[in-house]
Amino acid sequence: MPQFKFPKDYKLCSKNSIAQVFSMGKTAMFYPLQFRYLPVTGSSAVRIMVSAPKKRFKRAVVRNRLKRLMREAYRLNRHIVCGEQMEQKNGLYIVCCCIGPQETDFATIRQSMVKGLEHIAQHTKKHNGTTT
């Protein structure tokens, strides 16, 4: 049975790690979510950062709701990615950004999250990440 917790250890917080993901990571798009991910060696953690840009969503209430929905969708489906990474003893950094033009419901976000995580799991399994 997968663990459904989302403690600080699962969150991508380091500015250097985030910069690495944006500079060297790969991109996948599953509307309304955009994923950037970077397999890392030397770490067995899978960490994620969620984002809703102020440019698209002016109101903080809407941004916070979207981020909360993305975190919940990831929390419920993290076993898709974590199972593969634990077997390979590699880490993975993921940045998930909501790019849709308006607020979206949970069902759509969850469906996009599942598709994105499955894509990331397949891609990292095939290429066995080799970056720092």
C-alpha atoms as a PDB file:
ATOM      1  CA  MET A   1       0.000   0.000   0.000  1.00  0.00           C
ATOM      2  CA  PRO A   2       1.535   3.325  -1.033  1.00  0.00           C
ATOM      3  CA  GLN A   3       2.171   6.041   1.522  1.00  0.00           C
ATOM      4  CA  PHE A   4      -0.088   9.041   0.975  1.00  0.00           C
ATOM      5  CA  LYS A   5       1.928  11.545   3.008  1.00  0.00           C
ATOM      6  CA  PHE A   6       3.513  14.675   1.566  1.00  0.00           C
ATOM      7  CA  PRO A   7       6.212  15.852   4.014  1.00  0.00           C
ATOM      8  CA  LYS A   8       8.909  18.426   3.349  1.00  0.00           C
ATOM      9  CA  ASP A   9      11.324  15.699   2.167  1.00  0.00           C
ATOM     10  CA  TYR A  10       9.208  15.304  -0.993  1.00  0.00           C
ATOM     11  CA  LYS A  11       9.281  19.002  -1.878  1.00  0.00           C
ATOM     12  CA  LEU A  12      11.842  20.543  -4.209  1.00  0.00           C
ATOM     13  CA  CYS A  13      13.046  23.659  -2.378  1.00  0.00           C
ATOM     14  CA  SER A  14      16.708  24.220  -3.237  1.00  0.00           C
ATOM     15  CA  LYS A  15      17.305  27.125  -5.608  1.00  0.00           C
ATOM     16  CA  ASN A  16      20.260  25.304  -7.164  1.00  0.00           C
ATOM     17  CA  SER A  17      18.196  22.173  -7.829  1.00  0.00           C
ATOM     18  CA  ILE A  18      15.359  24.199  -9.326  1.00  0.00           C
ATOM     19  CA  ALA A  19      17.824  26.047 -11.569  1.00  0.00           C
ATOM     20  CA  GLN A  20      19.273  22.691 -12.683  1.00  0.00           C
ATOM     21  CA  VAL A  21      15.831  21.408 -13.624  1.00  0.00           C
ATOM     22  CA  PHE A  22      15.079  24.495 -15.704  1.00  0.00           C
ATOM     23  CA  SER A  23      18.482  24.543 -17.403  1.00  0.00           C
ATOM     24  CA  MET A  24      19.153  20.823 -18.022  1.00  0.00           C
ATOM     25  CA  GLY A  25      15.784  19.123 -17.541  1.00  0.00           C
ATOM     26  CA  LYS A  26      13.414  17.743 -20.131  1.00  0.00           C
ATOM     27  CA  THR A  27       9.906  19.034 -20.750  1.00  0.00           C
ATOM     28  CA  ALA A  28       6.606  17.217 -21.143  1.00  0.00           C
ATOM     29  CA  MET A  29       3.233  18.842 -21.764  1.00  0.00           C
ATOM     30  CA  PHE A  30      -0.113  17.394 -20.731  1.00  0.00           C
ATOM     31  CA  TYR A  31      -2.668  20.171 -20.831  1.00  0.00           C
ATOM     32  CA  PRO A  32      -3.225  22.039 -18.505  1.00  0.00           C
ATOM     33  CA  LEU A  33       0.028  20.946 -16.825  1.00  0.00           C
ATOM     34  CA  GLN A  34       3.597  21.330 -17.995  1.00  0.00           C
ATOM     35  CA  PHE A  35       6.272  19.107 -16.463  1.00  0.00           C
ATOM     36  CA  ARG A  36      10.007  19.665 -16.312  1.00  0.00           C
ATOM     37  CA  TYR A  37      11.999  16.790 -14.910  1.00  0.00           C
ATOM     38  CA  LEU A  38      15.586  15.852 -14.292  1.00  0.00           C
ATOM     39  CA  PRO A  39      16.844  12.402 -13.232  1.00  0.00           C
ATOM     40  CA  VAL A  40      19.667  12.713 -10.694  1.00  0.00           C
ATOM     41  CA  THR A  41      22.188  10.208  -9.388  1.00  0.00           C
ATOM     42  CA  GLY A  42      23.454  10.115  -5.846  1.00  0.00           C
ATOM     43  CA  SER A  43      20.011  10.728  -4.401  1.00  0.00           C
ATOM     44  CA  SER A  44      17.128   8.308  -4.062  1.00  0.00           C
ATOM     45  CA  ALA A  45      14.504  10.984  -3.423  1.00  0.00           C
ATOM     46  CA  VAL A  46      11.765  12.033  -5.798  1.00  0.00           C
ATOM     47  CA  ARG A  47      11.059  15.719  -5.214  1.00  0.00           C
ATOM     48  CA  ILE A  48       8.443  17.956  -6.790  1.00  0.00           C
ATOM     49  CA  MET A  49       7.685  21.660  -6.996  1.00  0.00           C
ATOM     50  CA  VAL A  50       4.281  22.945  -8.108  1.00  0.00           C
ATOM     51  CA  SER A  51       3.689  26.357  -9.607  1.00  0.00           C
ATOM     52  CA  ALA A  52       0.849  28.520 -10.856  1.00  0.00           C
ATOM     53  CA  PRO A  53       2.185  31.674 -12.541  1.00  0.00           C
ATOM     54  CA  LYS A  54       0.954  35.085 -11.485  1.00  0.00           C
ATOM     55  CA  LYS A  55       0.976  36.195 -15.108  1.00  0.00           C
ATOM     56  CA  ARG A  56      -1.872  33.778 -15.955  1.00  0.00           C
ATOM     57  CA  PHE A  57      -3.691  33.691 -12.619  1.00  0.00           C
ATOM     58  CA  LYS A  58      -3.871  37.181 -11.157  1.00  0.00           C
ATOM     59  CA  ARG A  59      -5.740  36.321  -7.959  1.00  0.00           C
ATOM     60  CA  ALA A  60      -3.792  34.639  -5.154  1.00  0.00           C
ATOM     61  CA  VAL A  61      -6.864  32.627  -4.174  1.00  0.00           C
ATOM     62  CA  VAL A  62      -6.955  30.964  -7.596  1.00  0.00           C
ATOM     63  CA  ARG A  63      -3.175  30.355  -7.646  1.00  0.00           C
ATOM     64  CA  ASN A  64      -3.218  28.793  -4.197  1.00  0.00           C
ATOM     65  CA  ARG A  65      -6.187  26.571  -5.077  1.00  0.00           C
ATOM     66  CA  LEU A  66      -4.491  25.318  -8.246  1.00  0.00           C
ATOM     67  CA  LYS A  67      -1.271  24.559  -6.364  1.00  0.00           C
ATOM     68  CA  ARG A  68      -3.224  22.727  -3.679  1.00  0.00           C
ATOM     69  CA  LEU A  69      -5.033  20.647  -6.324  1.00  0.00           C
ATOM     70  CA  MET A  70      -1.751  19.793  -8.070  1.00  0.00           C
ATOM     71  CA  ARG A  71      -0.138  18.739  -4.782  1.00  0.00           C
ATOM     72  CA  GLU A  72      -3.145  16.560  -3.958  1.00  0.00           C
ATOM     73  CA  ALA A  73      -3.118  14.937  -7.420  1.00  0.00           C
ATOM     74  CA  TYR A  74       0.600  14.190  -7.026  1.00  0.00           C
ATOM     75  CA  ARG A  75       0.181  12.902  -3.479  1.00  0.00           C
ATOM     76  CA  LEU A  76      -2.447  10.397  -4.604  1.00  0.00           C
ATOM     77  CA  ASN A  77      -0.455   9.241  -7.653  1.00  0.00           C
ATOM     78  CA  ARG A  78       3.186   9.532  -6.598  1.00  0.00           C
ATOM     79  CA  HIS A  79       3.550   5.748  -6.557  1.00  0.00           C
ATOM     80  CA  ILE A  80       3.685   5.855 -10.386  1.00  0.00           C
ATOM     81  CA  VAL A  81       7.071   7.592 -10.292  1.00  0.00           C
ATOM     82  CA  CYS A  82       8.430   6.592  -6.892  1.00  0.00           C
ATOM     83  CA  GLY A  83       8.205   2.852  -7.496  1.00  0.00           C
ATOM     84  CA  GLU A  84      10.500   3.033 -10.529  1.00  0.00           C
ATOM     85  CA  GLN A  85      12.973   5.384  -8.908  1.00  0.00           C
ATOM     86  CA  MET A  86      13.277   3.319  -5.728  1.00  0.00           C
ATOM     87  CA  GLU A  87      14.131   0.231  -7.779  1.00  0.00           C
ATOM     88  CA  GLN A  88      16.837   2.076  -9.719  1.00  0.00           C
ATOM     89  CA  LYS A  89      18.255   3.933  -6.674  1.00  0.00           C
ATOM     90  CA  ASN A  90      18.121   7.200  -8.636  1.00  0.00           C
ATOM     91  CA  GLY A  91      16.505  10.473  -7.677  1.00  0.00           C
ATOM     92  CA  LEU A  92      14.198  12.635  -9.716  1.00  0.00           C
ATOM     93  CA  TYR A  93      13.369  16.327  -9.604  1.00  0.00           C
ATOM     94  CA  ILE A  94      10.027  17.424 -11.066  1.00  0.00           C
ATOM     95  CA  VAL A  95       8.612  20.918 -11.597  1.00  0.00           C
ATOM     96  CA  CYS A  96       4.895  20.978 -12.383  1.00  0.00           C
ATOM     97  CA  CYS A  97       3.373  24.209 -13.677  1.00  0.00           C
ATOM     98  CA  CYS A  98      -0.266  24.930 -14.487  1.00  0.00           C
ATOM     99  CA  ILE A  99      -0.380  26.731 -17.833  1.00  0.00           C
ATOM    100  CA  GLY A 100      -4.089  26.639 -18.677  1.00  0.00           C
ATOM    101  CA  PRO A 101      -5.800  29.971 -19.323  1.00  0.00           C
ATOM    102  CA  GLN A 102      -8.375  29.629 -16.537  1.00  0.00           C
ATOM    103  CA  GLU A 103      -9.004  27.774 -13.295  1.00  0.00           C
ATOM    104  CA  THR A 104      -9.394  24.020 -13.811  1.00  0.00           C
ATOM    105  CA  ASP A 105     -11.252  21.357 -11.856  1.00  0.00           C
ATOM    106  CA  PHE A 106      -9.587  18.547  -9.903  1.00  0.00           C
ATOM    107  CA  ALA A 107     -10.584  15.779 -12.319  1.00  0.00           C
ATOM    108  CA  THR A 108      -8.755  17.443 -15.212  1.00  0.00           C
ATOM    109  CA  ILE A 109      -5.671  18.180 -13.128  1.00  0.00           C
ATOM    110  CA  ARG A 110      -5.573  14.625 -11.769  1.00  0.00           C
ATOM    111  CA  GLN A 111      -5.897  13.119 -15.260  1.00  0.00           C
ATOM    112  CA  SER A 112      -3.070  15.320 -16.569  1.00  0.00           C
ATOM    113  CA  MET A 113      -0.934  14.513 -13.521  1.00  0.00           C
ATOM    114  CA  VAL A 114      -1.343  10.754 -14.061  1.00  0.00           C
ATOM    115  CA  LYS A 115      -0.435  11.049 -17.753  1.00  0.00           C
ATOM    116  CA  GLY A 116       2.575  13.218 -16.946  1.00  0.00           C
ATOM    117  CA  LEU A 117       3.872  10.942 -14.206  1.00  0.00           C
ATOM    118  CA  GLU A 118       3.461   7.877 -16.418  1.00  0.00           C
ATOM    119  CA  HIS A 119       5.396   9.634 -19.191  1.00  0.00           C
ATOM    120  CA  ILE A 120       8.165  10.609 -16.774  1.00  0.00           C
ATOM    121  CA  ALA A 121       8.333   7.072 -15.334  1.00  0.00           C
ATOM    122  CA  GLN A 122       8.647   5.550 -18.813  1.00  0.00           C
ATOM    123  CA  HIS A 123      11.249   8.066 -19.933  1.00  0.00           C
ATOM    124  CA  THR A 124      13.430   7.733 -16.844  1.00  0.00           C
ATOM    125  CA  LYS A 125      13.162   3.939 -16.952  1.00  0.00           C
ATOM    126  CA  LYS A 126      14.290   3.895 -20.571  1.00  0.00           C
ATOM    127  CA  HIS A 127      17.224   6.281 -20.153  1.00  0.00           C
ATOM    128  CA  ASN A 128      18.348   5.582 -16.539  1.00  0.00           C
ATOM    129  CA  GLY A 129      19.222   9.211 -15.567  1.00  0.00           C
ATOM    130  CA  THR A 130      22.912  10.034 -15.536  1.00  0.00           C
ATOM    131  CA  THR A 131      23.187  13.639 -14.339  1.00  0.00           C
ATOM    132  CA  THR A 132      24.334  14.940 -11.002  1.00  0.00           C
END
